[in-house]
PDB file of N, CA and C in Angstrom:
ATOM      1  N   MET A   1       5.556  18.328   2.304  1.00  0.00           N
ATOM      2  CA  MET A   1       4.510  18.489   1.332  1.00  0.00           C
ATOM      3  C   MET A   1       3.528  17.328   1.478  1.00  0.00           C
ATOM      4  N   LEU A   2       2.270  17.643   1.439  1.00  0.00           N
ATOM      5  CA  LEU A   2       1.229  16.629   1.517  1.00  0.00           C
ATOM      6  C   LEU A   2       0.796  16.272   0.107  1.00  0.00           C
ATOM      7  N   PHE A   3       0.871  14.988  -0.204  1.00  0.00           N
ATOM      8  CA  PHE A   3       0.488  14.506  -1.522  1.00  0.00           C
ATOM      9  C   PHE A   3      -0.921  13.953  -1.434  1.00  0.00           C
ATOM     10  N   ARG A   4      -1.778  14.454  -2.261  1.00  0.00           N
ATOM     11  CA  ARG A   4      -3.144  13.932  -2.330  1.00  0.00           C
ATOM     12  C   ARG A   4      -3.457  13.637  -3.781  1.00  0.00           C
ATOM     13  N   SER A   5      -4.088  12.518  -3.997  1.00  0.00           N
ATOM     14  CA  SER A   5      -4.511  12.218  -5.354  1.00  0.00           C
ATOM     15  C   SER A   5      -5.672  11.247  -5.312  1.00  0.00           C
ATOM     16  N   ILE A   6      -6.388  11.197  -6.390  1.00  0.00           N
ATOM     17  CA  ILE A   6      -7.448  10.211  -6.552  1.00  0.00           C
ATOM     18  C   ILE A   6      -6.894   9.158  -7.498  1.00  0.00           C
ATOM     19  N   GLU A   7      -6.849   7.941  -7.020  1.00  0.00           N
ATOM     20  CA  GLU A   7      -6.278   6.844  -7.802  1.00  0.00           C
ATOM     21  C   GLU A   7      -7.387   5.944  -8.325  1.00  0.00           C
ATOM     22  N   SER A   8      -7.277   5.584  -9.573  1.00  0.00           N
ATOM     23  CA  SER A   8      -8.264   4.662 -10.137  1.00  0.00           C
ATOM     24  C   SER A   8      -7.965   3.240  -9.669  1.00  0.00           C
ATOM     25  N   PHE A   9      -8.984   2.437  -9.685  1.00  0.00           N
ATOM     26  CA  PHE A   9      -8.831   1.026  -9.353  1.00  0.00           C
ATOM     27  C   PHE A   9      -9.261   0.252 -10.591  1.00  0.00           C
ATOM     28  N   ASP A  10      -8.364   0.239 -11.570  1.00  0.00           N
ATOM     29  CA  ASP A  10      -8.667  -0.410 -12.834  1.00  0.00           C
ATOM     30  C   ASP A  10      -8.255  -1.887 -12.789  1.00  0.00           C
ATOM     31  N   GLU A  11      -8.341  -2.540 -13.914  1.00  0.00           N
ATOM     32  CA  GLU A  11      -8.027  -3.971 -13.973  1.00  0.00           C
ATOM     33  C   GLU A  11      -6.580  -4.261 -13.580  1.00  0.00           C
ATOM     34  N   ASN A  12      -5.640  -3.466 -14.076  1.00  0.00           N
ATOM     35  CA  ASN A  12      -4.230  -3.684 -13.735  1.00  0.00           C
ATOM     36  C   ASN A  12      -3.984  -3.497 -12.243  1.00  0.00           C
ATOM     37  N   THR A  13      -4.590  -2.462 -11.672  1.00  0.00           N
ATOM     38  CA  THR A  13      -4.456  -2.229 -10.235  1.00  0.00           C
ATOM     39  C   THR A  13      -5.062  -3.392  -9.466  1.00  0.00           C
ATOM     40  N   GLY A  14      -6.214  -3.833  -9.888  1.00  0.00           N
ATOM     41  CA  GLY A  14      -6.871  -4.967  -9.227  1.00  0.00           C
ATOM     42  C   GLY A  14      -6.009  -6.220  -9.243  1.00  0.00           C
ATOM     43  N   ARG A  15      -5.348  -6.460 -10.349  1.00  0.00           N
ATOM     44  CA  ARG A  15      -4.462  -7.628 -10.435  1.00  0.00           C
ATOM     45  C   ARG A  15      -3.259  -7.478  -9.505  1.00  0.00           C
ATOM     46  N   ALA A  16      -2.685  -6.269  -9.456  1.00  0.00           N
ATOM     47  CA  ALA A  16      -1.545  -6.032  -8.557  1.00  0.00           C
ATOM     48  C   ALA A  16      -1.971  -6.189  -7.097  1.00  0.00           C
ATOM     49  N   VAL A  17      -3.127  -5.667  -6.768  1.00  0.00           N
ATOM     50  CA  VAL A  17      -3.654  -5.820  -5.405  1.00  0.00           C
ATOM     51  C   VAL A  17      -3.874  -7.302  -5.109  1.00  0.00           C
ATOM     52  N   GLY A  18      -4.462  -8.009  -6.034  1.00  0.00           N
ATOM     53  CA  GLY A  18      -4.710  -9.438  -5.839  1.00  0.00           C
ATOM     54  C   GLY A  18      -3.429 -10.228  -5.616  1.00  0.00           C
ATOM     55  N   ARG A  19      -2.389  -9.890  -6.370  1.00  0.00           N
ATOM     56  CA  ARG A  19      -1.104 -10.593  -6.195  1.00  0.00           C
ATOM     57  C   ARG A  19      -0.528 -10.351  -4.803  1.00  0.00           C
ATOM     58  N   LEU A  20      -0.583  -9.085  -4.352  1.00  0.00           N
ATOM     59  CA  LEU A  20      -0.028  -8.794  -3.027  1.00  0.00           C
ATOM     60  C   LEU A  20      -0.879  -9.420  -1.923  1.00  0.00           C
ATOM     61  N   LEU A  21      -2.185  -9.450  -2.101  1.00  0.00           N
ATOM     62  CA  LEU A  21      -3.045 -10.144  -1.134  1.00  0.00           C
ATOM     63  C   LEU A  21      -2.666 -11.623  -1.061  1.00  0.00           C
ATOM     64  N   ARG A  22      -2.484 -12.227  -2.214  1.00  0.00           N
ATOM     65  CA  ARG A  22      -2.084 -13.641  -2.259  1.00  0.00           C
ATOM     66  C   ARG A  22      -0.729 -13.851  -1.589  1.00  0.00           C
ATOM     67  N   ASP A  23       0.230 -12.998  -1.933  1.00  0.00           N
ATOM     68  CA  ASP A  23       1.589 -13.162  -1.406  1.00  0.00           C
ATOM     69  C   ASP A  23       1.675 -12.957   0.101  1.00  0.00           C
ATOM     70  N   THR A  24       0.780 -12.126   0.642  1.00  0.00           N
ATOM     71  CA  THR A  24       0.823 -11.826   2.077  1.00  0.00           C
ATOM     72  C   THR A  24      -0.184 -12.642   2.879  1.00  0.00           C
ATOM     73  N   GLY A  25      -1.100 -13.304   2.204  1.00  0.00           N
ATOM     74  CA  GLY A  25      -2.121 -14.070   2.911  1.00  0.00           C
ATOM     75  C   GLY A  25      -3.091 -13.186   3.677  1.00  0.00           C
ATOM     76  N   THR A  26      -3.255 -11.940   3.219  1.00  0.00           N
ATOM     77  CA  THR A  26      -4.164 -11.016   3.881  1.00  0.00           C
ATOM     78  C   THR A  26      -5.392 -10.779   3.020  1.00  0.00           C
ATOM     79  N   SER A  27      -6.334 -10.002   3.547  1.00  0.00           N
ATOM     80  CA  SER A  27      -7.574  -9.782   2.801  1.00  0.00           C
ATOM     81  C   SER A  27      -8.013  -8.324   2.772  1.00  0.00           C
ATOM     82  N   ASP A  28      -7.177  -7.413   3.254  1.00  0.00           N
ATOM     83  CA  ASP A  28      -7.563  -6.000   3.308  1.00  0.00           C
ATOM     84  C   ASP A  28      -7.176  -5.295   2.011  1.00  0.00           C
ATOM     85  N   VAL A  29      -8.128  -5.212   1.102  1.00  0.00           N
ATOM     86  CA  VAL A  29      -7.901  -4.636  -0.218  1.00  0.00           C
ATOM     87  C   VAL A  29      -7.483  -3.173  -0.112  1.00  0.00           C
ATOM     88  N   VAL A  30      -8.093  -2.426   0.793  1.00  0.00           N
ATOM     89  CA  VAL A  30      -7.790  -1.000   0.917  1.00  0.00           C
ATOM     90  C   VAL A  30      -6.350  -0.791   1.375  1.00  0.00           C
ATOM     91  N   ASP A  31      -5.911  -1.535   2.404  1.00  0.00           N
ATOM     92  CA  ASP A  31      -4.528  -1.399   2.876  1.00  0.00           C
ATOM     93  C   ASP A  31      -3.535  -1.710   1.766  1.00  0.00           C
ATOM     94  N   VAL A  32      -3.788  -2.752   1.014  1.00  0.00           N
ATOM     95  CA  VAL A  32      -2.876  -3.122  -0.072  1.00  0.00           C
ATOM     96  C   VAL A  32      -2.858  -2.034  -1.143  1.00  0.00           C
ATOM     97  N   HIS A  33      -4.012  -1.495  -1.471  1.00  0.00           N
ATOM     98  CA  HIS A  33      -4.066  -0.434  -2.478  1.00  0.00           C
ATOM     99  C   HIS A  33      -3.313   0.802  -1.992  1.00  0.00           C
ATOM    100  N   VAL A  34      -3.442   1.144  -0.713  1.00  0.00           N
ATOM    101  CA  VAL A  34      -2.699   2.281  -0.152  1.00  0.00           C
ATOM    102  C   VAL A  34      -1.200   2.038  -0.278  1.00  0.00           C
ATOM    103  N   VAL A  35      -0.748   0.853   0.093  1.00  0.00           N
ATOM    104  CA  VAL A  35       0.684   0.527   0.021  1.00  0.00           C
ATOM    105  C   VAL A  35       1.188   0.615  -1.412  1.00  0.00           C
ATOM    106  N   LEU A  36       0.490  -0.003  -2.335  1.00  0.00           N
ATOM    107  CA  LEU A  36       0.940   0.006  -3.730  1.00  0.00           C
ATOM    108  C   LEU A  36       0.944   1.420  -4.314  1.00  0.00           C
ATOM    109  N   THR A  37      -0.055   2.221  -3.963  1.00  0.00           N
ATOM    110  CA  THR A  37      -0.107   3.601  -4.447  1.00  0.00           C
ATOM    111  C   THR A  37       1.048   4.416  -3.879  1.00  0.00           C
ATOM    112  N   ALA A  38       1.310   4.265  -2.590  1.00  0.00           N
ATOM    113  CA  ALA A  38       2.417   4.995  -1.956  1.00  0.00           C
ATOM    114  C   ALA A  38       3.753   4.587  -2.565  1.00  0.00           C
ATOM    115  N   LEU A  39       3.945   3.316  -2.810  1.00  0.00           N
ATOM    116  CA  LEU A  39       5.196   2.856  -3.406  1.00  0.00           C
ATOM    117  C   LEU A  39       5.347   3.390  -4.829  1.00  0.00           C
ATOM    118  N   ARG A  40       4.265   3.397  -5.578  1.00  0.00           N
ATOM    119  CA  ARG A  40       4.324   3.879  -6.962  1.00  0.00           C
ATOM    120  C   ARG A  40       4.694   5.360  -7.015  1.00  0.00           C
ATOM    121  N   HIS A  41       4.212   6.125  -6.046  1.00  0.00           N
ATOM    122  CA  HIS A  41       4.483   7.567  -6.023  1.00  0.00           C
ATOM    123  C   HIS A  41       5.656   7.935  -5.114  1.00  0.00           C
ATOM    124  N   ARG A  42       6.272   6.915  -4.509  1.00  0.00           N
ATOM    125  CA  ARG A  42       7.364   7.152  -3.549  1.00  0.00           C
ATOM    126  C   ARG A  42       6.926   8.146  -2.479  1.00  0.00           C
ATOM    127  N   ALA A  43       5.736   7.909  -1.955  1.00  0.00           N
ATOM    128  CA  ALA A  43       5.130   8.812  -0.977  1.00  0.00           C
ATOM    129  C   ALA A  43       5.082   8.164   0.400  1.00  0.00           C
ATOM    130  N   ALA A  44       5.152   8.980   1.415  1.00  0.00           N
ATOM    131  CA  ALA A  44       4.972   8.512   2.786  1.00  0.00           C
ATOM    132  C   ALA A  44       3.472   8.338   3.045  1.00  0.00           C
ATOM    133  N   VAL A  45       3.165   7.541   4.057  1.00  0.00           N
ATOM    134  CA  VAL A  45       1.770   7.292   4.408  1.00  0.00           C
ATOM    135  C   VAL A  45       1.544   7.675   5.863  1.00  0.00           C
ATOM    136  N   LEU A  46       0.476   8.413   6.111  1.00  0.00           N
ATOM    137  CA  LEU A  46       0.028   8.699   7.472  1.00  0.00           C
ATOM    138  C   LEU A  46      -0.997   7.637   7.824  1.00  0.00           C
ATOM    139  N   THR A  47      -0.780   6.931   8.947  1.00  0.00           N
ATOM    140  CA  THR A  47      -1.648   5.805   9.286  1.00  0.00           C
ATOM    141  C   THR A  47      -1.736   5.603  10.787  1.00  0.00           C
ATOM    142  N   SER A  48      -2.829   5.007  11.222  1.00  0.00           N
ATOM    143  CA  SER A  48      -2.953   4.606  12.622  1.00  0.00           C
ATOM    144  C   SER A  48      -2.506   3.157  12.800  1.00  0.00           C
ATOM    145  N   ASP A  49      -2.168   2.479  11.704  1.00  0.00           N
ATOM    146  CA  ASP A  49      -1.774   1.065  11.748  1.00  0.00           C
ATOM    147  C   ASP A  49      -0.479   0.834  10.969  1.00  0.00           C
ATOM    148  N   PRO A  50       0.638   1.401  11.438  1.00  0.00           N
ATOM    149  CA  PRO A  50       1.881   1.278  10.670  1.00  0.00           C
ATOM    150  C   PRO A  50       2.404  -0.155  10.581  1.00  0.00           C
ATOM    151  N   ASP A  51       2.168  -0.962  11.603  1.00  0.00           N
ATOM    152  CA  ASP A  51       2.695  -2.334  11.586  1.00  0.00           C
ATOM    153  C   ASP A  51       2.105  -3.141  10.438  1.00  0.00           C
ATOM    154  N   ASN A  52       0.805  -3.034  10.257  1.00  0.00           N
ATOM    155  CA  ASN A  52       0.148  -3.787   9.196  1.00  0.00           C
ATOM    156  C   ASN A  52       0.627  -3.331   7.822  1.00  0.00           C
ATOM    157  N   LEU A  53       0.712  -2.026   7.616  1.00  0.00           N
ATOM    158  CA  LEU A  53       1.161  -1.527   6.314  1.00  0.00           C
ATOM    159  C   LEU A  53       2.622  -1.872   6.059  1.00  0.00           C
ATOM    160  N   GLN A  54       3.442  -1.838   7.100  1.00  0.00           N
ATOM    161  CA  GLN A  54       4.858  -2.179   6.924  1.00  0.00           C
ATOM    162  C   GLN A  54       5.025  -3.655   6.558  1.00  0.00           C
ATOM    163  N   ARG A  55       4.205  -4.516   7.151  1.00  0.00           N
ATOM    164  CA  ARG A  55       4.232  -5.946   6.796  1.00  0.00           C
ATOM    165  C   ARG A  55       3.908  -6.133   5.318  1.00  0.00           C
ATOM    166  N   LEU A  56       2.914  -5.414   4.845  1.00  0.00           N
ATOM    167  CA  LEU A  56       2.543  -5.519   3.431  1.00  0.00           C
ATOM    168  C   LEU A  56       3.671  -5.002   2.542  1.00  0.00           C
ATOM    169  N   ALA A  57       4.226  -3.861   2.894  1.00  0.00           N
ATOM    170  CA  ALA A  57       5.303  -3.271   2.089  1.00  0.00           C
ATOM    171  C   ALA A  57       6.547  -4.152   2.087  1.00  0.00           C
ATOM    172  N   ALA A  58       6.837  -4.803   3.199  1.00  0.00           N
ATOM    173  CA  ALA A  58       8.027  -5.647   3.298  1.00  0.00           C
ATOM    174  C   ALA A  58       7.998  -6.765   2.258  1.00  0.00           C
ATOM    175  N   THR A  59       6.820  -7.231   1.925  1.00  0.00           N
ATOM    176  CA  THR A  59       6.690  -8.289   0.927  1.00  0.00           C
ATOM    177  C   THR A  59       7.160  -7.810  -0.440  1.00  0.00           C
ATOM    178  N   THR A  60       7.053  -6.511  -0.706  1.00  0.00           N
ATOM    179  CA  THR A  60       7.468  -5.968  -1.998  1.00  0.00           C
ATOM    180  C   THR A  60       8.965  -5.704  -2.060  1.00  0.00           C
ATOM    181  N   LYS A  61       9.648  -5.823  -0.914  1.00  0.00           N
ATOM    182  CA  LYS A  61      11.096  -5.584  -0.813  1.00  0.00           C
ATOM    183  C   LYS A  61      11.455  -4.101  -0.987  1.00  0.00           C
ATOM    184  N   VAL A  62      10.472  -3.222  -0.836  1.00  0.00           N
ATOM    185  CA  VAL A  62      10.697  -1.785  -0.938  1.00  0.00           C
ATOM    186  C   VAL A  62      10.308  -1.160   0.396  1.00  0.00           C
ATOM    187  N   ARG A  63      11.147  -0.267   0.884  1.00  0.00           N
ATOM    188  CA  ARG A  63      10.871   0.381   2.168  1.00  0.00           C
ATOM    189  C   ARG A  63       9.808   1.456   1.983  1.00  0.00           C
ATOM    190  N   LEU A  64       8.798   1.395   2.843  1.00  0.00           N
ATOM    191  CA  LEU A  64       7.717   2.360   2.809  1.00  0.00           C
ATOM    192  C   LEU A  64       7.851   3.268   4.018  1.00  0.00           C
ATOM    193  N   GLN A  65       7.825   4.571   3.782  1.00  0.00           N
ATOM    194  CA  GLN A  65       7.926   5.520   4.884  1.00  0.00           C
ATOM    195  C   GLN A  65       6.541   5.718   5.496  1.00  0.00           C
ATOM    196  N   LEU A  66       6.417   5.366   6.778  1.00  0.00           N
ATOM    197  CA  LEU A  66       5.134   5.444   7.478  1.00  0.00           C
ATOM    198  C   LEU A  66       5.237   6.397   8.659  1.00  0.00           C
ATOM    199  N   HIS A  67       4.173   7.130   8.907  1.00  0.00           N
ATOM    200  CA  HIS A  67       4.089   8.031  10.052  1.00  0.00           C
ATOM    201  C   HIS A  67       2.797   7.714  10.794  1.00  0.00           C
ATOM    202  N   GLN A  68       2.939   7.362  12.052  1.00  0.00           N
ATOM    203  CA  GLN A  68       1.746   7.029  12.834  1.00  0.00           C
ATOM    204  C   GLN A  68       1.037   8.294  13.289  1.00  0.00           C
ATOM    205  N   VAL A  69      -0.275   8.286  13.159  1.00  0.00           N
ATOM    206  CA  VAL A  69      -1.105   9.416  13.610  1.00  0.00           C
ATOM    207  C   VAL A  69      -2.104   8.943  14.634  1.00  0.00           C
TER     208      VAL A  69
END
């Protein structure tokens, strides 16, 4: 099943993204938002950059299911 949704980027989301950016020392807001959204929905992610997303997810201590396209 393909999960599609439109996610808001409100103040709470912005703070969560900021914390993960700080914790990982990265600056890609979109990648972090994708990871956090996928983890919140327990969804797999289709990506051309699985290594980068897996590094971000590893910081959360939760396994993220990634599929390279």
